[in-house]
Amino acid sequence: MGKLFDVYWYLGVPGATVPSSWPSSYSTDINSNTSMQIQYNGTAATTYLSSSPPPFCPNGRTVDIDAIVDVIHKADKFVYIAVMDYFPTTQFSRPRKYWPVIDDALRKAAFDRRISVKLLISYWNNTWEEMPLYLKSLNILKYSDYGVHTNIEVRMFVVPAFTESQKKIPFARVNHNKYMVTDKTAYIGTSNWSGDYFIDTGGIGLIVNQNVTAEPGNVRKQLEDIFYRDWDSQYSTNIDNFNFTTKRHTEL
């Protein structure tokens, strides 16, 4: 973590540029291939930190998007995701580009390996109007036709405003989650799940690999419990039954 900070500190001075090759002092041997064995609250785990964008990754550092795809590929039973924004495209680059890296990994996991995939996506006053279209294209794969059986389900999560004063608070009333949990791994990141955040934006991810036991210090199990707390709550609605009539942010 200190080395990640050092990268940002290096780039934080006026006129700084990303070096063509980072000094060896910024390198790490802790990554997706050689994760660190530690104790989280007395419970055994292996862990490493990923980073984005790729130019911010000195030798040995796992790129953040590679970590996310790796976690999806290694799941045996389920992949549960809770994020604010989900786009298989870039959002802020001009022109915008198709970027299906995560989308393809989820579809492949559900189709090829019958992994249960659940996505809990936030909906608020700043949601881009096109996002539900991409989510519905995932959700529709849960139907079993022509001998194809997949298990993908998408729900929308809304934090309601109960008073007029709450409605007036800008950039509020939203679940700003950025995490994924599988039967093996907890991933907690800093990036929304669209291309720009992994291509052009600085961010990190914490990956914790633990078994499925319910030991008190099991971070993976705690994150799974948090996911189900929100998934089963009154603020969560299946996308098929969700009302998208409210005018939201539009970006052309």
C-alpha atoms as a PDB file:
ATOM      1  CA  MET A   1       0.000   0.000   0.000  1.00  0.00           C
ATOM      2  CA  GLY A   2       2.910   2.296   0.754  1.00  0.00           C
ATOM      3  CA  LYS A   3       4.289   1.718  -2.729  1.00  0.00           C
ATOM      4  CA  LEU A   4       0.929   2.635  -4.266  1.00  0.00           C
ATOM      5  CA  PHE A   5       1.043   5.862  -2.286  1.00  0.00           C
ATOM      6  CA  ASP A   6       4.586   6.466  -3.511  1.00  0.00           C
ATOM      7  CA  VAL A   7       3.411   6.257  -7.131  1.00  0.00           C
ATOM      8  CA  TYR A   8       0.811   8.956  -6.536  1.00  0.00           C
ATOM      9  CA  TRP A   9       3.300  11.066  -4.568  1.00  0.00           C
ATOM     10  CA  TYR A  10       5.770  10.795  -7.447  1.00  0.00           C
ATOM     11  CA  LEU A  11       3.107  12.047  -9.872  1.00  0.00           C
ATOM     12  CA  GLY A  12       1.820  14.765  -7.553  1.00  0.00           C
ATOM     13  CA  VAL A  13       4.500  17.377  -8.224  1.00  0.00           C
ATOM     14  CA  PRO A  14       4.104  20.096 -10.881  1.00  0.00           C
ATOM     15  CA  GLY A  15       5.092  18.911 -14.336  1.00  0.00           C
ATOM     16  CA  ALA A  16       5.315  15.245 -13.354  1.00  0.00           C
ATOM     17  CA  THR A  17       4.975  12.626 -16.082  1.00  0.00           C
ATOM     18  CA  VAL A  18       4.514   8.874 -15.956  1.00  0.00           C
ATOM     19  CA  PRO A  19       7.958   7.297 -16.476  1.00  0.00           C
ATOM     20  CA  SER A  20       8.448   4.865 -19.341  1.00  0.00           C
ATOM     21  CA  SER A  21       9.786   2.426 -16.757  1.00  0.00           C
ATOM     22  CA  TRP A  22       9.185   2.760 -13.025  1.00  0.00           C
ATOM     23  CA  PRO A  23      12.235   2.531 -10.720  1.00  0.00           C
ATOM     24  CA  SER A  24      12.648  -0.896  -9.160  1.00  0.00           C
ATOM     25  CA  SER A  25      11.910   0.567  -5.715  1.00  0.00           C
ATOM     26  CA  TYR A  26       8.251   0.880  -6.788  1.00  0.00           C
ATOM     27  CA  SER A  27       8.002  -2.773  -7.843  1.00  0.00           C
ATOM     28  CA  THR A  28       6.184  -5.433  -5.836  1.00  0.00           C
ATOM     29  CA  ASP A  29       6.168  -9.216  -5.696  1.00  0.00           C
ATOM     30  CA  ILE A  30       2.695  -9.275  -4.093  1.00  0.00           C
ATOM     31  CA  ASN A  31       0.076  -9.755  -6.804  1.00  0.00           C
ATOM     32  CA  SER A  32      -2.508 -12.158  -8.214  1.00  0.00           C
ATOM     33  CA  ASN A  33       0.158 -14.809  -8.801  1.00  0.00           C
ATOM     34  CA  THR A  34       1.934 -14.482  -5.442  1.00  0.00           C
ATOM     35  CA  SER A  35      -0.544 -13.077  -2.961  1.00  0.00           C
ATOM     36  CA  MET A  36       0.395 -12.438   0.662  1.00  0.00           C
ATOM     37  CA  GLN A  37      -0.644 -14.870   3.402  1.00  0.00           C
ATOM     38  CA  ILE A  38      -2.030 -12.943   6.356  1.00  0.00           C
ATOM     39  CA  GLN A  39      -4.520 -13.061   9.216  1.00  0.00           C
ATOM     40  CA  TYR A  40      -7.617 -10.840   8.966  1.00  0.00           C
ATOM     41  CA  ASN A  41      -9.007 -10.542  12.490  1.00  0.00           C
ATOM     42  CA  GLY A  42      -7.477 -13.908  13.295  1.00  0.00           C
ATOM     43  CA  THR A  43      -8.822 -15.623  10.169  1.00  0.00           C
ATOM     44  CA  ALA A  44      -6.423 -16.923   7.511  1.00  0.00           C
ATOM     45  CA  ALA A  45      -6.485 -15.218   4.122  1.00  0.00           C
ATOM     46  CA  THR A  46      -4.367 -14.372   1.117  1.00  0.00           C
ATOM     47  CA  THR A  47      -4.454 -10.856  -0.253  1.00  0.00           C
ATOM     48  CA  TYR A  48      -2.982  -8.348  -2.666  1.00  0.00           C
ATOM     49  CA  LEU A  49      -3.681  -4.853  -3.993  1.00  0.00           C
ATOM     50  CA  SER A  50      -4.390  -3.994  -7.617  1.00  0.00           C
ATOM     51  CA  SER A  51      -4.126  -0.609  -9.300  1.00  0.00           C
ATOM     52  CA  SER A  52      -5.325   1.384 -12.297  1.00  0.00           C
ATOM     53  CA  PRO A  53      -4.696   2.659 -14.865  1.00  0.00           C
ATOM     54  CA  PRO A  54      -2.003   0.335 -16.297  1.00  0.00           C
ATOM     55  CA  PRO A  55       0.655   3.093 -16.631  1.00  0.00           C
ATOM     56  CA  PHE A  56       0.411   3.557 -12.840  1.00  0.00           C
ATOM     57  CA  CYS A  57       1.429  -0.069 -12.282  1.00  0.00           C
ATOM     58  CA  PRO A  58       5.160  -0.653 -11.721  1.00  0.00           C
ATOM     59  CA  ASN A  59       6.636  -4.086 -12.302  1.00  0.00           C
ATOM     60  CA  GLY A  60       4.755  -6.821 -10.434  1.00  0.00           C
ATOM     61  CA  ARG A  61       1.597  -4.810  -9.723  1.00  0.00           C
ATOM     62  CA  THR A  62      -1.633  -6.469 -10.900  1.00  0.00           C
ATOM     63  CA  VAL A  63      -3.729  -4.136 -13.053  1.00  0.00           C
ATOM     64  CA  ASP A  64      -7.118  -3.506 -11.438  1.00  0.00           C
ATOM     65  CA  ILE A  65      -9.284  -4.705 -14.321  1.00  0.00           C
ATOM     66  CA  ASP A  66      -7.168  -7.863 -14.599  1.00  0.00           C
ATOM     67  CA  ALA A  67      -7.823  -8.525 -10.911  1.00  0.00           C
ATOM     68  CA  ILE A  68     -11.589  -8.162 -11.373  1.00  0.00           C
ATOM     69  CA  VAL A  69     -11.667 -10.539 -14.338  1.00  0.00           C
ATOM     70  CA  ASP A  70      -9.436 -13.001 -12.495  1.00  0.00           C
ATOM     71  CA  VAL A  71     -11.793 -13.038  -9.493  1.00  0.00           C
ATOM     72  CA  ILE A  72     -14.757 -13.705 -11.804  1.00  0.00           C
ATOM     73  CA  HIS A  73     -12.927 -16.503 -13.640  1.00  0.00           C
ATOM     74  CA  LYS A  74     -11.928 -18.246 -10.406  1.00  0.00           C
ATOM     75  CA  ALA A  75     -15.419 -18.307  -8.860  1.00  0.00           C
ATOM     76  CA  ASP A  76     -16.934 -21.771  -8.561  1.00  0.00           C
ATOM     77  CA  LYS A  77     -20.487 -20.999  -7.453  1.00  0.00           C
ATOM     78  CA  PHE A  78     -21.460 -17.328  -7.515  1.00  0.00           C
ATOM     79  CA  VAL A  79     -20.434 -13.763  -8.362  1.00  0.00           C
ATOM     80  CA  TYR A  80     -22.287 -10.967  -6.562  1.00  0.00           C
ATOM     81  CA  ILE A  81     -21.613  -7.359  -7.554  1.00  0.00           C
ATOM     82  CA  ALA A  82     -22.723  -4.072  -5.991  1.00  0.00           C
ATOM     83  CA  VAL A  83     -21.695  -0.909  -7.848  1.00  0.00           C
ATOM     84  CA  MET A  84     -23.117   2.527  -8.518  1.00  0.00           C
ATOM     85  CA  ASP A  85     -22.484   2.636 -12.282  1.00  0.00           C
ATOM     86  CA  TYR A  86     -22.200  -0.297 -14.694  1.00  0.00           C
ATOM     87  CA  PHE A  87     -21.392   0.312 -18.360  1.00  0.00           C
ATOM     88  CA  PRO A  88     -19.782  -1.994 -20.962  1.00  0.00           C
ATOM     89  CA  THR A  89     -18.549   1.223 -22.572  1.00  0.00           C
ATOM     90  CA  THR A  90     -16.516   4.277 -21.720  1.00  0.00           C
ATOM     91  CA  GLN A  91     -18.534   7.185 -20.355  1.00  0.00           C
ATOM     92  CA  PHE A  92     -16.373  10.276 -20.517  1.00  0.00           C
ATOM     93  CA  SER A  93     -14.005   9.758 -23.440  1.00  0.00           C
ATOM     94  CA  ARG A  94     -14.831  11.363 -26.778  1.00  0.00           C
ATOM     95  CA  PRO A  95     -15.762   9.521 -28.835  1.00  0.00           C
ATOM     96  CA  ARG A  96     -17.121   6.934 -26.451  1.00  0.00           C
ATOM     97  CA  LYS A  97     -15.984   3.367 -27.031  1.00  0.00           C
ATOM     98  CA  TYR A  98     -17.395  -0.091 -26.476  1.00  0.00           C
ATOM     99  CA  TRP A  99     -15.561  -1.748 -23.558  1.00  0.00           C
ATOM    100  CA  PRO A 100     -17.105  -5.143 -22.725  1.00  0.00           C
ATOM    101  CA  VAL A 101     -14.264  -6.548 -20.603  1.00  0.00           C
ATOM    102  CA  ILE A 102     -16.309  -7.138 -17.432  1.00  0.00           C
ATOM    103  CA  ASP A 103     -19.551  -7.766 -19.331  1.00  0.00           C
ATOM    104  CA  ASP A 104     -17.943 -10.553 -21.368  1.00  0.00           C
ATOM    105  CA  ALA A 105     -16.429 -12.143 -18.254  1.00  0.00           C
ATOM    106  CA  LEU A 106     -19.822 -12.247 -16.512  1.00  0.00           C
ATOM    107  CA  ARG A 107     -21.643 -13.668 -19.527  1.00  0.00           C
ATOM    108  CA  LYS A 108     -18.963 -16.307 -20.004  1.00  0.00           C
ATOM    109  CA  ALA A 109     -19.084 -17.303 -16.319  1.00  0.00           C
ATOM    110  CA  ALA A 110     -22.858 -17.655 -16.393  1.00  0.00           C
ATOM    111  CA  PHE A 111     -23.066 -19.367 -19.782  1.00  0.00           C
ATOM    112  CA  ASP A 112     -20.044 -21.674 -19.748  1.00  0.00           C
ATOM    113  CA  ARG A 113     -19.756 -22.541 -16.058  1.00  0.00           C
ATOM    114  CA  ARG A 114     -23.322 -21.948 -14.798  1.00  0.00           C
ATOM    115  CA  ILE A 115     -22.117 -19.463 -12.199  1.00  0.00           C
ATOM    116  CA  SER A 116     -24.890 -17.561 -10.392  1.00  0.00           C
ATOM    117  CA  VAL A 117     -24.423 -13.849 -11.159  1.00  0.00           C
ATOM    118  CA  LYS A 118     -26.247 -11.121  -9.259  1.00  0.00           C
ATOM    119  CA  LEU A 119     -25.804  -7.386  -9.869  1.00  0.00           C
ATOM    120  CA  LEU A 120     -27.122  -4.761  -7.457  1.00  0.00           C
ATOM    121  CA  ILE A 121     -26.913  -1.404  -9.222  1.00  0.00           C
ATOM    122  CA  SER A 122     -27.678   2.018  -7.777  1.00  0.00           C
ATOM    123  CA  TYR A 123     -30.310   4.320  -9.262  1.00  0.00           C
ATOM    124  CA  TRP A 124     -30.491   8.022  -8.367  1.00  0.00           C
ATOM    125  CA  ASN A 125     -30.842  11.493  -9.827  1.00  0.00           C
ATOM    126  CA  ASN A 126     -27.520  11.259 -11.662  1.00  0.00           C
ATOM    127  CA  THR A 127     -28.014   7.858 -13.286  1.00  0.00           C
ATOM    128  CA  TRP A 128     -27.458   7.965 -17.026  1.00  0.00           C
ATOM    129  CA  GLU A 129     -30.628   7.006 -18.852  1.00  0.00           C
ATOM    130  CA  GLU A 130     -28.963   4.411 -21.076  1.00  0.00           C
ATOM    131  CA  MET A 131     -27.533   2.300 -18.234  1.00  0.00           C
ATOM    132  CA  PRO A 132     -30.726   0.220 -17.766  1.00  0.00           C
ATOM    133  CA  LEU A 133     -30.469  -0.916 -21.398  1.00  0.00           C
ATOM    134  CA  TYR A 134     -27.114  -2.575 -20.785  1.00  0.00           C
ATOM    135  CA  LEU A 135     -28.335  -4.091 -17.529  1.00  0.00           C
ATOM    136  CA  LYS A 136     -31.482  -5.492 -19.123  1.00  0.00           C
ATOM    137  CA  SER A 137     -29.376  -7.214 -21.767  1.00  0.00           C
ATOM    138  CA  LEU A 138     -27.671  -9.088 -18.931  1.00  0.00           C
ATOM    139  CA  ASN A 139     -30.818  -9.782 -16.962  1.00  0.00           C
ATOM    140  CA  ILE A 140     -32.596 -11.322 -19.953  1.00  0.00           C
ATOM    141  CA  LEU A 141     -30.013 -14.125 -20.022  1.00  0.00           C
ATOM    142  CA  LYS A 142     -31.646 -15.679 -16.962  1.00  0.00           C
ATOM    143  CA  TYR A 143     -34.363 -17.099 -19.190  1.00  0.00           C
ATOM    144  CA  SER A 144     -33.998 -20.738 -20.247  1.00  0.00           C
ATOM    145  CA  ASP A 145     -34.741 -21.130 -23.945  1.00  0.00           C
ATOM    146  CA  TYR A 146     -33.284 -23.304 -26.681  1.00  0.00           C
ATOM    147  CA  GLY A 147     -31.445 -25.459 -24.160  1.00  0.00           C
ATOM    148  CA  VAL A 148     -29.513 -22.497 -22.726  1.00  0.00           C
ATOM    149  CA  HIS A 149     -29.633 -22.123 -18.954  1.00  0.00           C
ATOM    150  CA  THR A 150     -28.026 -19.125 -17.297  1.00  0.00           C
ATOM    151  CA  ASN A 151     -28.545 -17.552 -13.914  1.00  0.00           C
ATOM    152  CA  ILE A 152     -28.073 -13.789 -14.106  1.00  0.00           C
ATOM    153  CA  GLU A 153     -30.267 -11.412 -12.140  1.00  0.00           C
ATOM    154  CA  VAL A 154     -30.119  -7.620 -11.903  1.00  0.00           C
ATOM    155  CA  ARG A 155     -31.751  -5.487  -9.236  1.00  0.00           C
ATOM    156  CA  MET A 156     -31.861  -1.730  -8.841  1.00  0.00           C
ATOM    157  CA  PHE A 157     -31.191  -0.159  -5.456  1.00  0.00           C
ATOM    158  CA  VAL A 158     -32.770   3.179  -4.523  1.00  0.00           C
ATOM    159  CA  VAL A 159     -32.137   5.195  -1.384  1.00  0.00           C
ATOM    160  CA  PRO A 160     -35.381   7.173  -1.045  1.00  0.00           C
ATOM    161  CA  ALA A 161     -35.719  10.749   0.117  1.00  0.00           C
ATOM    162  CA  PHE A 162     -38.297  10.914   2.894  1.00  0.00           C
ATOM    163  CA  THR A 163     -38.434  14.697   3.191  1.00  0.00           C
ATOM    164  CA  GLU A 164     -38.217  17.673   0.852  1.00  0.00           C
ATOM    165  CA  SER A 165     -35.004  18.798   2.531  1.00  0.00           C
ATOM    166  CA  GLN A 166     -33.432  15.422   1.821  1.00  0.00           C
ATOM    167  CA  LYS A 167     -34.388  15.736  -1.857  1.00  0.00           C
ATOM    168  CA  LYS A 168     -32.507  19.040  -2.091  1.00  0.00           C
ATOM    169  CA  ILE A 169     -29.153  17.601  -0.970  1.00  0.00           C
ATOM    170  CA  PRO A 170     -27.024  17.360  -4.140  1.00  0.00           C
ATOM    171  CA  PHE A 171     -25.226  14.103  -4.968  1.00  0.00           C
ATOM    172  CA  ALA A 172     -26.886  12.276  -2.096  1.00  0.00           C
ATOM    173  CA  ARG A 173     -29.376   9.435  -1.572  1.00  0.00           C
ATOM    174  CA  VAL A 174     -27.296   6.833  -3.387  1.00  0.00           C
ATOM    175  CA  ASN A 175     -25.588   3.555  -2.581  1.00  0.00           C
ATOM    176  CA  HIS A 176     -22.019   4.328  -3.708  1.00  0.00           C
ATOM    177  CA  ASN A 177     -20.796   0.722  -3.506  1.00  0.00           C
ATOM    178  CA  LYS A 178     -17.900  -0.667  -5.531  1.00  0.00           C
ATOM    179  CA  TYR A 179     -17.397  -4.273  -4.515  1.00  0.00           C
ATOM    180  CA  MET A 180     -17.754  -7.874  -5.627  1.00  0.00           C
ATOM    181  CA  VAL A 181     -17.935 -11.068  -3.599  1.00  0.00           C
ATOM    182  CA  THR A 182     -17.685 -14.670  -4.771  1.00  0.00           C
ATOM    183  CA  ASP A 183     -17.630 -18.024  -3.000  1.00  0.00           C
ATOM    184  CA  LYS A 184     -13.850 -17.572  -2.754  1.00  0.00           C
ATOM    185  CA  THR A 185     -12.992 -13.884  -2.807  1.00  0.00           C
ATOM    186  CA  ALA A 186     -13.890 -10.408  -1.603  1.00  0.00           C
ATOM    187  CA  TYR A 187     -13.006  -7.537  -3.938  1.00  0.00           C
ATOM    188  CA  ILE A 188     -13.370  -3.955  -2.673  1.00  0.00           C
ATOM    189  CA  GLY A 189     -12.440  -1.181  -5.086  1.00  0.00           C
ATOM    190  CA  THR A 190     -12.581   2.552  -5.656  1.00  0.00           C
ATOM    191  CA  SER A 191     -13.821   2.615  -9.271  1.00  0.00           C
ATOM    192  CA  ASN A 192     -17.228   2.657 -10.883  1.00  0.00           C
ATOM    193  CA  TRP A 193     -17.530  -0.157 -13.406  1.00  0.00           C
ATOM    194  CA  SER A 194     -17.151   1.567 -16.758  1.00  0.00           C
ATOM    195  CA  GLY A 195     -14.165   1.719 -19.071  1.00  0.00           C
ATOM    196  CA  ASP A 196     -12.830   5.163 -18.158  1.00  0.00           C
ATOM    197  CA  TYR A 197     -12.219   4.219 -14.544  1.00  0.00           C
ATOM    198  CA  PHE A 198      -9.857   1.421 -15.529  1.00  0.00           C
ATOM    199  CA  ILE A 199      -8.264   3.048 -18.591  1.00  0.00           C
ATOM    200  CA  ASP A 200      -7.660   6.643 -17.503  1.00  0.00           C
ATOM    201  CA  THR A 201      -8.457   7.019 -13.794  1.00  0.00           C
ATOM    202  CA  GLY A 202      -6.340   6.296 -10.733  1.00  0.00           C
ATOM    203  CA  GLY A 203      -7.866   3.690  -8.460  1.00  0.00           C
ATOM    204  CA  ILE A 204      -7.071   0.620  -6.402  1.00  0.00           C
ATOM    205  CA  GLY A 205      -8.652  -2.682  -5.447  1.00  0.00           C
ATOM    206  CA  LEU A 206      -8.256  -4.882  -2.380  1.00  0.00           C
ATOM    207  CA  ILE A 207      -8.537  -8.605  -3.048  1.00  0.00           C
ATOM    208  CA  VAL A 208      -9.060 -10.987  -0.116  1.00  0.00           C
ATOM    209  CA  ASN A 209      -9.214 -14.732  -0.764  1.00  0.00           C
ATOM    210  CA  GLN A 210     -10.893 -16.794   1.968  1.00  0.00           C
ATOM    211  CA  ASN A 211     -12.871 -20.002   2.237  1.00  0.00           C
ATOM    212  CA  VAL A 212     -16.630 -20.192   2.711  1.00  0.00           C
ATOM    213  CA  THR A 213     -16.603 -20.775   6.461  1.00  0.00           C
ATOM    214  CA  ALA A 214     -18.480 -18.341   8.683  1.00  0.00           C
ATOM    215  CA  GLU A 215     -15.649 -17.564  11.079  1.00  0.00           C
ATOM    216  CA  PRO A 216     -16.093 -14.187  12.844  1.00  0.00           C
ATOM    217  CA  GLY A 217     -13.104 -12.606  11.087  1.00  0.00           C
ATOM    218  CA  ASN A 218     -14.012 -13.820   7.607  1.00  0.00           C
ATOM    219  CA  VAL A 219     -14.040 -10.665   5.465  1.00  0.00           C
ATOM    220  CA  ARG A 220     -15.416 -12.501   2.438  1.00  0.00           C
ATOM    221  CA  LYS A 221     -18.394 -13.811   4.424  1.00  0.00           C
ATOM    222  CA  GLN A 222     -19.032 -10.379   5.927  1.00  0.00           C
ATOM    223  CA  LEU A 223     -19.168  -8.840   2.456  1.00  0.00           C
ATOM    224  CA  GLU A 224     -21.553 -11.571   1.283  1.00  0.00           C
ATOM    225  CA  ASP A 225     -23.806 -10.797   4.264  1.00  0.00           C
ATOM    226  CA  ILE A 226     -23.752  -7.077   3.410  1.00  0.00           C
ATOM    227  CA  PHE A 227     -24.705  -7.872  -0.171  1.00  0.00           C
ATOM    228  CA  TYR A 228     -27.706  -9.961   0.886  1.00  0.00           C
ATOM    229  CA  ARG A 229     -28.746  -7.334   3.439  1.00  0.00           C
ATOM    230  CA  ASP A 230     -29.223  -4.871   0.574  1.00  0.00           C
ATOM    231  CA  TRP A 231     -30.345  -7.414  -2.044  1.00  0.00           C
ATOM    232  CA  ASP A 232     -33.231  -8.599   0.172  1.00  0.00           C
ATOM    233  CA  SER A 233     -34.142  -5.138   1.466  1.00  0.00           C
ATOM    234  CA  GLN A 234     -37.163  -3.011   0.594  1.00  0.00           C
ATOM    235  CA  TYR A 235     -34.877  -0.699  -1.412  1.00  0.00           C
ATOM    236  CA  SER A 236     -34.031  -3.401  -3.971  1.00  0.00           C
ATOM    237  CA  THR A 237     -36.251  -4.129  -7.001  1.00  0.00           C
ATOM    238  CA  ASN A 238     -35.816  -6.600  -9.839  1.00  0.00           C
ATOM    239  CA  ILE A 239     -35.045  -4.662 -13.000  1.00  0.00           C
ATOM    240  CA  ASP A 240     -38.032  -6.279 -14.776  1.00  0.00           C
ATOM    241  CA  ASN A 241     -40.364  -4.602 -12.283  1.00  0.00           C
ATOM    242  CA  PHE A 242     -38.489  -1.338 -11.847  1.00  0.00           C
ATOM    243  CA  ASN A 243     -40.026   1.984 -12.873  1.00  0.00           C
ATOM    244  CA  PHE A 244     -37.534   3.960 -14.952  1.00  0.00           C
ATOM    245  CA  THR A 245     -39.970   6.758 -15.801  1.00  0.00           C
ATOM    246  CA  THR A 246     -38.235   9.338 -13.631  1.00  0.00           C
ATOM    247  CA  LYS A 247     -36.096  11.706 -15.693  1.00  0.00           C
ATOM    248  CA  ARG A 248     -32.437  11.051 -15.009  1.00  0.00           C
ATOM    249  CA  HIS A 249     -29.102  12.391 -16.200  1.00  0.00           C
ATOM    250  CA  THR A 250     -28.591  12.098 -19.937  1.00  0.00           C
ATOM    251  CA  GLU A 251     -25.209  12.105 -21.644  1.00  0.00           C
ATOM    252  CA  LEU A 252     -25.114  12.079 -25.442  1.00  0.00           C
END
